[in-house]
Amino acid sequence: MIVAFSVQPTGDPSDPALVRGLVAGTDSAGVHDAVAAAVRVVRESGLPNRTSSMFTEIEGDWDEVMDVVRRATAAAGRYGSRVSLVLKADIRPGHEGQLDAKIDRLETAVSHLDDQG
């Protein structure tokens, strides 16, 4: 399966060591810091993954992928008192290597359209 997910903490960090002074009305830790903590968990998992400007994608079996998402969400959660998690899954038993294969098929299709002019 492939899971695309994003995390966004809000509020003051649950970990006081992460609090820093910012302009009134803004969260006291940057979202990029929380995303970096989540992405570190994903990368250290050893599962195939990629991160774009909006989502992190990870590929593996259900249990291992969901465990990584859970741990990544917890890592991001240190940066806020609440965490929003958006998750989309492509569940296709028996298929591996789809993180790249799906992109390859898309690029081939685009190329064929370009050839047709």
PDB file of N, CA and C in Angstrom:
ATOM      1  N   MET A   1       0.829  -1.180   0.000  1.00  0.00           N
ATOM      2  CA  MET A   1       0.000   0.000   0.000  1.00  0.00           C
ATOM      3  C   MET A   1       0.872   1.241   0.000  1.00  0.00           C
ATOM      4  N   ILE A   2       0.302   2.306  -0.527  1.00  0.00           N
ATOM      5  CA  ILE A   2       0.951   3.618  -0.474  1.00  0.00           C
ATOM      6  C   ILE A   2       0.046   4.520   0.360  1.00  0.00           C
ATOM      7  N   VAL A   3       0.651   5.234   1.280  1.00  0.00           N
ATOM      8  CA  VAL A   3      -0.085   6.208   2.073  1.00  0.00           C
ATOM      9  C   VAL A   3       0.548   7.574   1.850  1.00  0.00           C
ATOM     10  N   ALA A   4      -0.299   8.549   1.553  1.00  0.00           N
ATOM     11  CA  ALA A   4       0.126   9.945   1.505  1.00  0.00           C
ATOM     12  C   ALA A   4      -0.457  10.605   2.744  1.00  0.00           C
ATOM     13  N   PHE A   5       0.374  11.280   3.507  1.00  0.00           N
ATOM     14  CA  PHE A   5      -0.150  11.918   4.716  1.00  0.00           C
ATOM     15  C   PHE A   5       0.542  13.248   4.965  1.00  0.00           C
ATOM     16  N   SER A   6      -0.154  14.075   5.719  1.00  0.00           N
ATOM     17  CA  SER A   6       0.432  15.323   6.186  1.00  0.00           C
ATOM     18  C   SER A   6      -0.006  15.538   7.625  1.00  0.00           C
ATOM     19  N   VAL A   7       0.840  16.180   8.383  1.00  0.00           N
ATOM     20  CA  VAL A   7       0.548  16.497   9.775  1.00  0.00           C
ATOM     21  C   VAL A   7       0.713  17.992   9.977  1.00  0.00           C
ATOM     22  N   GLN A   8      -0.130  18.545  10.829  1.00  0.00           N
ATOM     23  CA  GLN A   8      -0.017  19.962  11.153  1.00  0.00           C
ATOM     24  C   GLN A   8      -0.379  20.172  12.615  1.00  0.00           C
ATOM     25  N   PRO A   9       0.611  20.470  13.432  1.00  0.00           N
ATOM     26  CA  PRO A   9       0.313  20.775  14.827  1.00  0.00           C
ATOM     27  C   PRO A   9      -0.173  22.217  14.967  1.00  0.00           C
ATOM     28  N   THR A  10      -0.976  22.446  15.968  1.00  0.00           N
ATOM     29  CA  THR A  10      -1.409  23.807  16.295  1.00  0.00           C
ATOM     30  C   THR A  10      -1.304  23.994  17.800  1.00  0.00           C
ATOM     31  N   GLY A  11      -1.294  25.235  18.214  1.00  0.00           N
ATOM     32  CA  GLY A  11      -1.203  25.554  19.632  1.00  0.00           C
ATOM     33  C   GLY A  11       0.226  25.535  20.115  1.00  0.00           C
ATOM     34  N   ASP A  12       0.380  25.751  21.394  1.00  0.00           N
ATOM     35  CA  ASP A  12       1.708  25.750  21.998  1.00  0.00           C
ATOM     36  C   ASP A  12       2.255  24.333  22.040  1.00  0.00           C
ATOM     37  N   PRO A  13       3.555  24.180  21.849  1.00  0.00           N
ATOM     38  CA  PRO A  13       4.157  22.856  21.880  1.00  0.00           C
ATOM     39  C   PRO A  13       3.900  22.135  23.203  1.00  0.00           C
ATOM     40  N   SER A  14       3.635  20.841  23.122  1.00  0.00           N
ATOM     41  CA  SER A  14       3.464  20.041  24.331  1.00  0.00           C
ATOM     42  C   SER A  14       4.809  19.807  25.011  1.00  0.00           C
ATOM     43  N   ASP A  15       5.893  19.962  24.265  1.00  0.00           N
ATOM     44  CA  ASP A  15       7.245  19.841  24.799  1.00  0.00           C
ATOM     45  C   ASP A  15       7.775  21.252  25.043  1.00  0.00           C
ATOM     46  N   PRO A  16       7.895  21.682  26.319  1.00  0.00           N
ATOM     47  CA  PRO A  16       8.323  23.061  26.618  1.00  0.00           C
ATOM     48  C   PRO A  16       9.685  23.428  26.035  1.00  0.00           C
ATOM     49  N   ALA A  17      10.522  22.447  25.753  1.00  0.00           N
ATOM     50  CA  ALA A  17      11.841  22.730  25.179  1.00  0.00           C
ATOM     51  C   ALA A  17      11.725  23.286  23.761  1.00  0.00           C
ATOM     52  N   LEU A  18      10.559  23.124  23.147  1.00  0.00           N
ATOM     53  CA  LEU A  18      10.372  23.569  21.764  1.00  0.00           C
ATOM     54  C   LEU A  18       9.752  24.957  21.662  1.00  0.00           C
ATOM     55  N   VAL A  19       9.387  25.554  22.785  1.00  0.00           N
ATOM     56  CA  VAL A  19       8.750  26.871  22.778  1.00  0.00           C
ATOM     57  C   VAL A  19       9.784  27.936  22.436  1.00  0.00           C
ATOM     58  N   ARG A  20       9.403  28.848  21.567  1.00  0.00           N
ATOM     59  CA  ARG A  20      10.263  29.971  21.242  1.00  0.00           C
ATOM     60  C   ARG A  20       9.382  31.187  21.009  1.00  0.00           C
ATOM     61  N   GLY A  21       9.896  32.331  21.245  1.00  0.00           N
ATOM     62  CA  GLY A  21       9.116  33.546  21.134  1.00  0.00           C
ATOM     63  C   GLY A  21       8.875  33.965  19.698  1.00  0.00           C
ATOM     64  N   LEU A  22       7.610  34.149  19.338  1.00  0.00           N
ATOM     65  CA  LEU A  22       7.249  34.653  18.023  1.00  0.00           C
ATOM     66  C   LEU A  22       6.226  35.766  18.194  1.00  0.00           C
ATOM     67  N   VAL A  23       5.779  36.291  17.108  1.00  0.00           N
ATOM     68  CA  VAL A  23       4.798  37.365  17.113  1.00  0.00           C
ATOM     69  C   VAL A  23       3.507  36.887  17.790  1.00  0.00           C
ATOM     70  N   ALA A  24       2.884  37.750  18.545  1.00  0.00           N
ATOM     71  CA  ALA A  24       1.630  37.407  19.224  1.00  0.00           C
ATOM     72  C   ALA A  24       0.611  36.858  18.230  1.00  0.00           C
ATOM     73  N   GLY A  25      -0.066  35.779  18.626  1.00  0.00           N
ATOM     74  CA  GLY A  25      -1.089  35.185  17.773  1.00  0.00           C
ATOM     75  C   GLY A  25      -0.582  34.079  16.866  1.00  0.00           C
ATOM     76  N   THR A  26       0.731  33.850  16.846  1.00  0.00           N
ATOM     77  CA  THR A  26       1.268  32.764  16.022  1.00  0.00           C
ATOM     78  C   THR A  26       1.655  31.601  16.922  1.00  0.00           C
ATOM     79  N   ASP A  27       1.702  30.423  16.349  1.00  0.00           N
ATOM     80  CA  ASP A  27       2.147  29.267  17.115  1.00  0.00           C
ATOM     81  C   ASP A  27       3.607  29.447  17.479  1.00  0.00           C
ATOM     82  N   SER A  28       4.012  28.881  18.598  1.00  0.00           N
ATOM     83  CA  SER A  28       5.365  29.134  19.088  1.00  0.00           C
ATOM     84  C   SER A  28       6.414  28.176  18.539  1.00  0.00           C
ATOM     85  N   ALA A  29       6.027  27.281  17.670  1.00  0.00           N
ATOM     86  CA  ALA A  29       6.994  26.451  16.951  1.00  0.00           C
ATOM     87  C   ALA A  29       6.554  26.410  15.502  1.00  0.00           C
ATOM     88  N   GLY A  30       7.486  26.442  14.577  1.00  0.00           N
ATOM     89  CA  GLY A  30       7.144  26.454  13.166  1.00  0.00           C
ATOM     90  C   GLY A  30       6.639  25.107  12.693  1.00  0.00           C
ATOM     91  N   VAL A  31       5.682  25.130  11.766  1.00  0.00           N
ATOM     92  CA  VAL A  31       5.166  23.886  11.195  1.00  0.00           C
ATOM     93  C   VAL A  31       6.298  23.134  10.500  1.00  0.00           C
ATOM     94  N   HIS A  32       7.228  23.853   9.874  1.00  0.00           N
ATOM     95  CA  HIS A  32       8.327  23.163   9.194  1.00  0.00           C
ATOM     96  C   HIS A  32       9.162  22.336  10.168  1.00  0.00           C
ATOM     97  N   ASP A  33       9.286  22.784  11.418  1.00  0.00           N
ATOM     98  CA  ASP A  33      10.016  21.999  12.416  1.00  0.00           C
ATOM     99  C   ASP A  33       9.289  20.689  12.698  1.00  0.00           C
ATOM    100  N   ALA A  34       7.977  20.767  12.832  1.00  0.00           N
ATOM    101  CA  ALA A  34       7.173  19.568  13.099  1.00  0.00           C
ATOM    102  C   ALA A  34       7.209  18.613  11.913  1.00  0.00           C
ATOM    103  N   VAL A  35       7.108  19.163  10.714  1.00  0.00           N
ATOM    104  CA  VAL A  35       7.159  18.329   9.513  1.00  0.00           C
ATOM    105  C   VAL A  35       8.531  17.654   9.410  1.00  0.00           C
ATOM    106  N   ALA A  36       9.579  18.382   9.720  1.00  0.00           N
ATOM    107  CA  ALA A  36      10.922  17.798   9.689  1.00  0.00           C
ATOM    108  C   ALA A  36      11.030  16.631  10.672  1.00  0.00           C
ATOM    109  N   ALA A  37      10.450  16.768  11.838  1.00  0.00           N
ATOM    110  CA  ALA A  37      10.478  15.676  12.820  1.00  0.00           C
ATOM    111  C   ALA A  37       9.716  14.462  12.301  1.00  0.00           C
ATOM    112  N   ALA A  38       8.584  14.692  11.656  1.00  0.00           N
ATOM    113  CA  ALA A  38       7.799  13.597  11.094  1.00  0.00           C
ATOM    114  C   ALA A  38       8.542  12.929   9.936  1.00  0.00           C
ATOM    115  N   VAL A  39       9.125  13.731   9.066  1.00  0.00           N
ATOM    116  CA  VAL A  39       9.853  13.191   7.915  1.00  0.00           C
ATOM    117  C   VAL A  39      11.069  12.390   8.382  1.00  0.00           C
ATOM    118  N   ARG A  40      11.711  12.822   9.434  1.00  0.00           N
ATOM    119  CA  ARG A  40      12.847  12.056   9.964  1.00  0.00           C
ATOM    120  C   ARG A  40      12.395  10.644  10.350  1.00  0.00           C
ATOM    121  N   VAL A  41      11.254  10.536  11.024  1.00  0.00           N
ATOM    122  CA  VAL A  41      10.729   9.221  11.399  1.00  0.00           C
ATOM    123  C   VAL A  41      10.492   8.369  10.158  1.00  0.00           C
ATOM    124  N   VAL A  42       9.889   8.972   9.134  1.00  0.00           N
ATOM    125  CA  VAL A  42       9.615   8.244   7.894  1.00  0.00           C
ATOM    126  C   VAL A  42      10.910   7.773   7.250  1.00  0.00           C
ATOM    127  N   ARG A  43      11.871   8.645   7.119  1.00  0.00           N
ATOM    128  CA  ARG A  43      13.138   8.290   6.463  1.00  0.00           C
ATOM    129  C   ARG A  43      13.898   7.230   7.246  1.00  0.00           C
ATOM    130  N   GLU A  44      13.862   7.312   8.566  1.00  0.00           N
ATOM    131  CA  GLU A  44      14.559   6.325   9.387  1.00  0.00           C
ATOM    132  C   GLU A  44      13.873   4.963   9.367  1.00  0.00           C
ATOM    133  N   SER A  45      12.626   4.903   8.897  1.00  0.00           N
ATOM    134  CA  SER A  45      11.897   3.636   8.853  1.00  0.00           C
ATOM    135  C   SER A  45      12.494   2.675   7.833  1.00  0.00           C
ATOM    136  N   GLY A  46      13.173   3.226   6.821  1.00  0.00           N
ATOM    137  CA  GLY A  46      13.734   2.400   5.768  1.00  0.00           C
ATOM    138  C   GLY A  46      12.735   2.024   4.686  1.00  0.00           C
ATOM    139  N   LEU A  47      11.467   2.417   4.836  1.00  0.00           N
ATOM    140  CA  LEU A  47      10.463   2.133   3.811  1.00  0.00           C
ATOM    141  C   LEU A  47      10.615   3.121   2.656  1.00  0.00           C
ATOM    142  N   PRO A  48      10.246   2.714   1.436  1.00  0.00           N
ATOM    143  CA  PRO A  48      10.275   3.652   0.315  1.00  0.00           C
ATOM    144  C   PRO A  48       9.397   4.865   0.629  1.00  0.00           C
ATOM    145  N   ASN A  49       9.908   6.060   0.363  1.00  0.00           N
ATOM    146  CA  ASN A  49       9.151   7.275   0.692  1.00  0.00           C
ATOM    147  C   ASN A  49       9.608   8.426  -0.163  1.00  0.00           C
ATOM    148  N   ARG A  50       8.789   9.468  -0.196  1.00  0.00           N
ATOM    149  CA  ARG A  50       9.168  10.736  -0.815  1.00  0.00           C
ATOM    150  C   ARG A  50       8.329  11.819  -0.151  1.00  0.00           C
ATOM    151  N   THR A  51       8.869  13.015  -0.141  1.00  0.00           N
ATOM    152  CA  THR A  51       8.173  14.150   0.456  1.00  0.00           C
ATOM    153  C   THR A  51       8.074  15.250  -0.580  1.00  0.00           C
ATOM    154  N   SER A  52       6.875  15.810  -0.705  1.00  0.00           N
ATOM    155  CA  SER A  52       6.659  16.960  -1.582  1.00  0.00           C
ATOM    156  C   SER A  52       6.283  18.154  -0.708  1.00  0.00           C
ATOM    157  N   SER A  53       5.884  19.225  -1.332  1.00  0.00           N
ATOM    158  CA  SER A  53       5.560  20.435  -0.575  1.00  0.00           C
ATOM    159  C   SER A  53       4.306  20.278   0.290  1.00  0.00           C
ATOM    160  N   MET A  54       3.483  19.263  -0.001  1.00  0.00           N
ATOM    161  CA  MET A  54       2.223  19.122   0.736  1.00  0.00           C
ATOM    162  C   MET A  54       2.058  17.791   1.467  1.00  0.00           C
ATOM    163  N   PHE A  55       2.693  16.721   0.984  1.00  0.00           N
ATOM    164  CA  PHE A  55       2.482  15.400   1.556  1.00  0.00           C
ATOM    165  C   PHE A  55       3.777  14.618   1.618  1.00  0.00           C
ATOM    166  N   THR A  56       3.788  13.632   2.490  1.00  0.00           N
ATOM    167  CA  THR A  56       4.828  12.609   2.505  1.00  0.00           C
ATOM    168  C   THR A  56       4.157  11.305   2.124  1.00  0.00           C
ATOM    169  N   GLU A  57       4.763  10.585   1.188  1.00  0.00           N
ATOM    170  CA  GLU A  57       4.255   9.294   0.750  1.00  0.00           C
ATOM    171  C   GLU A  57       5.181   8.212   1.272  1.00  0.00           C
ATOM    172  N   ILE A  58       4.587   7.092   1.675  1.00  0.00           N
ATOM    173  CA  ILE A  58       5.346   5.973   2.189  1.00  0.00           C
ATOM    174  C   ILE A  58       4.698   4.692   1.694  1.00  0.00           C
ATOM    175  N   GLU A  59       5.526   3.690   1.353  1.00  0.00           N
ATOM    176  CA  GLU A  59       5.009   2.438   0.810  1.00  0.00           C
ATOM    177  C   GLU A  59       5.455   1.254   1.664  1.00  0.00           C
ATOM    178  N   GLY A  60       4.540   0.333   1.886  1.00  0.00           N
ATOM    179  CA  GLY A  60       4.839  -0.880   2.636  1.00  0.00           C
ATOM    180  C   GLY A  60       3.555  -1.616   2.945  1.00  0.00           C
ATOM    181  N   ASP A  61       3.624  -2.586   3.853  1.00  0.00           N
ATOM    182  CA  ASP A  61       2.382  -3.272   4.212  1.00  0.00           C
ATOM    183  C   ASP A  61       1.641  -2.455   5.270  1.00  0.00           C
ATOM    184  N   TRP A  62       0.385  -2.798   5.463  1.00  0.00           N
ATOM    185  CA  TRP A  62      -0.519  -2.024   6.326  1.00  0.00           C
ATOM    186  C   TRP A  62       0.093  -1.738   7.687  1.00  0.00           C
ATOM    187  N   ASP A  63       0.527  -2.785   8.387  1.00  0.00           N
ATOM    188  CA  ASP A  63       1.005  -2.610   9.757  1.00  0.00           C
ATOM    189  C   ASP A  63       2.244  -1.726   9.833  1.00  0.00           C
ATOM    190  N   GLU A  64       3.200  -1.935   8.936  1.00  0.00           N
ATOM    191  CA  GLU A  64       4.422  -1.144   9.018  1.00  0.00           C
ATOM    192  C   GLU A  64       4.182   0.307   8.607  1.00  0.00           C
ATOM    193  N   VAL A  65       3.353   0.531   7.602  1.00  0.00           N
ATOM    194  CA  VAL A  65       3.068   1.904   7.174  1.00  0.00           C
ATOM    195  C   VAL A  65       2.301   2.657   8.263  1.00  0.00           C
ATOM    196  N   MET A  66       1.279   2.026   8.813  1.00  0.00           N
ATOM    197  CA  MET A  66       0.479   2.703   9.848  1.00  0.00           C
ATOM    198  C   MET A  66       1.297   2.960  11.109  1.00  0.00           C
ATOM    199  N   ASP A  67       2.230   2.061  11.433  1.00  0.00           N
ATOM    200  CA  ASP A  67       3.105   2.292  12.574  1.00  0.00           C
ATOM    201  C   ASP A  67       3.982   3.518  12.338  1.00  0.00           C
ATOM    202  N   VAL A  68       4.516   3.653  11.134  1.00  0.00           N
ATOM    203  CA  VAL A  68       5.355   4.818  10.814  1.00  0.00           C
ATOM    204  C   VAL A  68       4.520   6.093  10.865  1.00  0.00           C
ATOM    205  N   VAL A  69       3.307   6.067  10.315  1.00  0.00           N
ATOM    206  CA  VAL A  69       2.435   7.249  10.358  1.00  0.00           C
ATOM    207  C   VAL A  69       2.132   7.617  11.809  1.00  0.00           C
ATOM    208  N   ARG A  70       1.857   6.617  12.649  1.00  0.00           N
ATOM    209  CA  ARG A  70       1.575   6.874  14.065  1.00  0.00           C
ATOM    210  C   ARG A  70       2.773   7.533  14.740  1.00  0.00           C
ATOM    211  N   ARG A  71       3.971   6.983  14.512  1.00  0.00           N
ATOM    212  CA  ARG A  71       5.166   7.537  15.140  1.00  0.00           C
ATOM    213  C   ARG A  71       5.515   8.925  14.590  1.00  0.00           C
ATOM    214  N   ALA A  72       5.300   9.132  13.293  1.00  0.00           N
ATOM    215  CA  ALA A  72       5.557  10.446  12.690  1.00  0.00           C
ATOM    216  C   ALA A  72       4.588  11.487  13.244  1.00  0.00           C
ATOM    217  N   THR A  73       3.336  11.090  13.434  1.00  0.00           N
ATOM    218  CA  THR A  73       2.334  12.005  14.004  1.00  0.00           C
ATOM    219  C   THR A  73       2.707  12.365  15.437  1.00  0.00           C
ATOM    220  N   ALA A  74       3.163  11.383  16.202  1.00  0.00           N
ATOM    221  CA  ALA A  74       3.595  11.650  17.578  1.00  0.00           C
ATOM    222  C   ALA A  74       4.789  12.597  17.602  1.00  0.00           C
ATOM    223  N   ALA A  75       5.727  12.410  16.680  1.00  0.00           N
ATOM    224  CA  ALA A  75       6.896  13.295  16.619  1.00  0.00           C
ATOM    225  C   ALA A  75       6.466  14.724  16.314  1.00  0.00           C
ATOM    226  N   ALA A  76       5.550  14.888  15.381  1.00  0.00           N
ATOM    227  CA  ALA A  76       5.048  16.225  15.050  1.00  0.00           C
ATOM    228  C   ALA A  76       4.234  16.795  16.199  1.00  0.00           C
ATOM    229  N   GLY A  77       3.562  15.924  16.935  1.00  0.00           N
ATOM    230  CA  GLY A  77       2.711  16.356  18.044  1.00  0.00           C
ATOM    231  C   GLY A  77       3.451  17.064  19.155  1.00  0.00           C
ATOM    232  N   ARG A  78       4.732  16.834  19.264  1.00  0.00           N
ATOM    233  CA  ARG A  78       5.514  17.547  20.273  1.00  0.00           C
ATOM    234  C   ARG A  78       5.524  19.050  20.012  1.00  0.00           C
ATOM    235  N   TYR A  79       5.219  19.454  18.787  1.00  0.00           N
ATOM    236  CA  TYR A  79       5.288  20.864  18.395  1.00  0.00           C
ATOM    237  C   TYR A  79       3.955  21.594  18.544  1.00  0.00           C
ATOM    238  N   GLY A  80       2.961  20.950  19.115  1.00  0.00           N
ATOM    239  CA  GLY A  80       1.671  21.589  19.315  1.00  0.00           C
ATOM    240  C   GLY A  80       0.865  20.882  20.372  1.00  0.00           C
ATOM    241  N   SER A  81      -0.234  21.493  20.753  1.00  0.00           N
ATOM    242  CA  SER A  81      -1.130  20.870  21.724  1.00  0.00           C
ATOM    243  C   SER A  81      -2.189  20.022  21.023  1.00  0.00           C
ATOM    244  N   ARG A  82      -2.202  20.097  19.706  1.00  0.00           N
ATOM    245  CA  ARG A  82      -3.174  19.368  18.887  1.00  0.00           C
ATOM    246  C   ARG A  82      -2.531  19.116  17.530  1.00  0.00           C
ATOM    247  N   VAL A  83      -2.891  17.984  16.897  1.00  0.00           N
ATOM    248  CA  VAL A  83      -2.337  17.652  15.587  1.00  0.00           C
ATOM    249  C   VAL A  83      -3.455  17.279  14.628  1.00  0.00           C
ATOM    250  N   SER A  84      -3.415  17.858  13.448  1.00  0.00           N
ATOM    251  CA  SER A  84      -4.327  17.477  12.367  1.00  0.00           C
ATOM    252  C   SER A  84      -3.564  16.524  11.455  1.00  0.00           C
ATOM    253  N   LEU A  85      -4.178  15.377  11.164  1.00  0.00           N
ATOM    254  CA  LEU A  85      -3.580  14.381  10.289  1.00  0.00           C
ATOM    255  C   LEU A  85      -4.494  14.183   9.091  1.00  0.00           C
ATOM    256  N   VAL A  86      -3.945  14.347   7.892  1.00  0.00           N
ATOM    257  CA  VAL A  86      -4.661  14.057   6.646  1.00  0.00           C
ATOM    258  C   VAL A  86      -3.982  12.847   6.038  1.00  0.00           C
ATOM    259  N   LEU A  87      -4.784  11.831   5.689  1.00  0.00           N
ATOM    260  CA  LEU A  87      -4.214  10.586   5.191  1.00  0.00           C
ATOM    261  C   LEU A  87      -5.040  10.069   4.025  1.00  0.00           C
ATOM    262  N   LYS A  88      -4.342   9.655   2.980  1.00  0.00           N
ATOM    263  CA  LYS A  88      -4.975   9.032   1.820  1.00  0.00           C
ATOM    264  C   LYS A  88      -4.201   7.759   1.532  1.00  0.00           C
ATOM    265  N   ALA A  89      -4.914   6.655   1.294  1.00  0.00           N
ATOM    266  CA  ALA A  89      -4.244   5.370   1.084  1.00  0.00           C
ATOM    267  C   ALA A  89      -4.665   4.737  -0.230  1.00  0.00           C
ATOM    268  N   ASP A  90      -3.694   4.123  -0.906  1.00  0.00           N
ATOM    269  CA  ASP A  90      -3.929   3.304  -2.093  1.00  0.00           C
ATOM    270  C   ASP A  90      -3.591   1.879  -1.666  1.00  0.00           C
ATOM    271  N   ILE A  91      -4.617   1.095  -1.409  1.00  0.00           N
ATOM    272  CA  ILE A  91      -4.433  -0.258  -0.886  1.00  0.00           C
ATOM    273  C   ILE A  91      -4.564  -1.232  -2.048  1.00  0.00           C
ATOM    274  N   ARG A  92      -3.448  -1.856  -2.398  1.00  0.00           N
ATOM    275  CA  ARG A  92      -3.401  -2.744  -3.558  1.00  0.00           C
ATOM    276  C   ARG A  92      -2.552  -3.966  -3.216  1.00  0.00           C
ATOM    277  N   PRO A  93      -3.166  -4.953  -2.557  1.00  0.00           N
ATOM    278  CA  PRO A  93      -2.408  -6.131  -2.126  1.00  0.00           C
ATOM    279  C   PRO A  93      -1.670  -6.793  -3.289  1.00  0.00           C
ATOM    280  N   GLY A  94      -0.474  -7.271  -2.973  1.00  0.00           N
ATOM    281  CA  GLY A  94       0.310  -7.991  -3.965  1.00  0.00           C
ATOM    282  C   GLY A  94       1.141  -7.121  -4.881  1.00  0.00           C
ATOM    283  N   HIS A  95       1.112  -5.825  -4.692  1.00  0.00           N
ATOM    284  CA  HIS A  95       1.893  -4.924  -5.541  1.00  0.00           C
ATOM    285  C   HIS A  95       2.929  -4.188  -4.692  1.00  0.00           C
ATOM    286  N   GLU A  96       4.149  -4.200  -5.155  1.00  0.00           N
ATOM    287  CA  GLU A  96       5.239  -3.481  -4.499  1.00  0.00           C
ATOM    288  C   GLU A  96       5.905  -2.568  -5.525  1.00  0.00           C
ATOM    289  N   GLY A  97       6.657  -1.607  -5.049  1.00  0.00           N
ATOM    290  CA  GLY A  97       7.390  -0.718  -5.946  1.00  0.00           C
ATOM    291  C   GLY A  97       6.497   0.263  -6.688  1.00  0.00           C
ATOM    292  N   GLN A  98       5.304   0.468  -6.184  1.00  0.00           N
ATOM    293  CA  GLN A  98       4.349   1.328  -6.885  1.00  0.00           C
ATOM    294  C   GLN A  98       4.604   2.818  -6.668  1.00  0.00           C
ATOM    295  N   LEU A  99       5.360   3.161  -5.644  1.00  0.00           N
ATOM    296  CA  LEU A  99       5.670   4.569  -5.398  1.00  0.00           C
ATOM    297  C   LEU A  99       6.320   5.190  -6.631  1.00  0.00           C
ATOM    298  N   ASP A 100       7.217   4.444  -7.251  1.00  0.00           N
ATOM    299  CA  ASP A 100       7.860   4.917  -8.474  1.00  0.00           C
ATOM    300  C   ASP A 100       7.130   4.448  -9.728  1.00  0.00           C
ATOM    301  N   ALA A 101       6.594   3.234  -9.703  1.00  0.00           N
ATOM    302  CA  ALA A 101       5.947   2.675 -10.898  1.00  0.00           C
ATOM    303  C   ALA A 101       4.745   3.508 -11.341  1.00  0.00           C
ATOM    304  N   LYS A 102       3.982   4.029 -10.388  1.00  0.00           N
ATOM    305  CA  LYS A 102       2.821   4.852 -10.753  1.00  0.00           C
ATOM    306  C   LYS A 102       3.256   6.126 -11.476  1.00  0.00           C
ATOM    307  N   ILE A 103       4.348   6.713 -11.017  1.00  0.00           N
ATOM    308  CA  ILE A 103       4.876   7.923 -11.659  1.00  0.00           C
ATOM    309  C   ILE A 103       5.398   7.586 -13.044  1.00  0.00           C
ATOM    310  N   ASP A 104       6.085   6.453 -13.169  1.00  0.00           N
ATOM    311  CA  ASP A 104       6.598   6.036 -14.477  1.00  0.00           C
ATOM    312  C   ASP A 104       5.457   5.854 -15.477  1.00  0.00           C
ATOM    313  N   ARG A 105       4.351   5.221 -15.047  1.00  0.00           N
ATOM    314  CA  ARG A 105       3.205   5.032 -15.943  1.00  0.00           C
ATOM    315  C   ARG A 105       2.588   6.369 -16.343  1.00  0.00           C
ATOM    316  N   LEU A 106       2.524   7.287 -15.406  1.00  0.00           N
ATOM    317  CA  LEU A 106       1.988   8.615 -15.700  1.00  0.00           C
ATOM    318  C   LEU A 106       2.859   9.331 -16.727  1.00  0.00           C
ATOM    319  N   GLU A 107       4.172   9.312 -16.525  1.00  0.00           N
ATOM    320  CA  GLU A 107       5.080   9.991 -17.455  1.00  0.00           C
ATOM    321  C   GLU A 107       5.000   9.380 -18.848  1.00  0.00           C
ATOM    322  N   THR A 108       4.837   8.063 -18.938  1.00  0.00           N
ATOM    323  CA  THR A 108       4.676   7.405 -20.237  1.00  0.00           C
ATOM    324  C   THR A 108       3.398   7.884 -20.911  1.00  0.00           C
ATOM    325  N   ALA A 109       2.322   7.975 -20.150  1.00  0.00           N
ATOM    326  CA  ALA A 109       1.040   8.433 -20.709  1.00  0.00           C
ATOM    327  C   ALA A 109       1.140   9.877 -21.183  1.00  0.00           C
ATOM    328  N   VAL A 110       1.787  10.736 -20.421  1.00  0.00           N
ATOM    329  CA  VAL A 110       1.964  12.138 -20.823  1.00  0.00           C
ATOM    330  C   VAL A 110       2.792  12.206 -22.100  1.00  0.00           C
ATOM    331  N   SER A 111       3.843  11.416 -22.174  1.00  0.00           N
ATOM    332  CA  SER A 111       4.690  11.380 -23.364  1.00  0.00           C
ATOM    333  C   SER A 111       3.902  10.951 -24.596  1.00  0.00           C
ATOM    334  N   HIS A 112       3.034   9.977 -24.437  1.00  0.00           N
ATOM    335  CA  HIS A 112       2.227   9.522 -25.571  1.00  0.00           C
ATOM    336  C   HIS A 112       1.271  10.627 -26.037  1.00  0.00           C
ATOM    337  N   LEU A 113       0.730  11.387 -25.068  1.00  0.00           N
ATOM    338  CA  LEU A 113      -0.145  12.500 -25.451  1.00  0.00           C
ATOM    339  C   LEU A 113       0.641  13.572 -26.207  1.00  0.00           C
ATOM    340  N   ASP A 114       1.866  13.833 -25.744  1.00  0.00           N
ATOM    341  CA  ASP A 114       2.726  14.825 -26.401  1.00  0.00           C
ATOM    342  C   ASP A 114       3.040  14.385 -27.837  1.00  0.00           C
ATOM    343  N   ASP A 115       3.256  13.087 -28.033  1.00  0.00           N
ATOM    344  CA  ASP A 115       3.564  12.554 -29.367  1.00  0.00           C
ATOM    345  C   ASP A 115       2.378  12.702 -30.319  1.00  0.00           C
ATOM    346  N   GLN A 116       1.176  12.696 -29.754  1.00  0.00           N
ATOM    347  CA  GLN A 116      -0.035  12.802 -30.581  1.00  0.00           C
ATOM    348  C   GLN A 116      -0.315  14.237 -30.988  1.00  0.00           C
ATOM    349  N   GLY A 117       0.322  15.164 -30.244  1.00  0.00           N
ATOM    350  CA  GLY A 117       0.294  16.561 -30.600  1.00  0.00           C
ATOM    351  C   GLY A 117      -0.951  17.261 -30.417  1.00  0.00           C
TER     352      GLY A 117
END
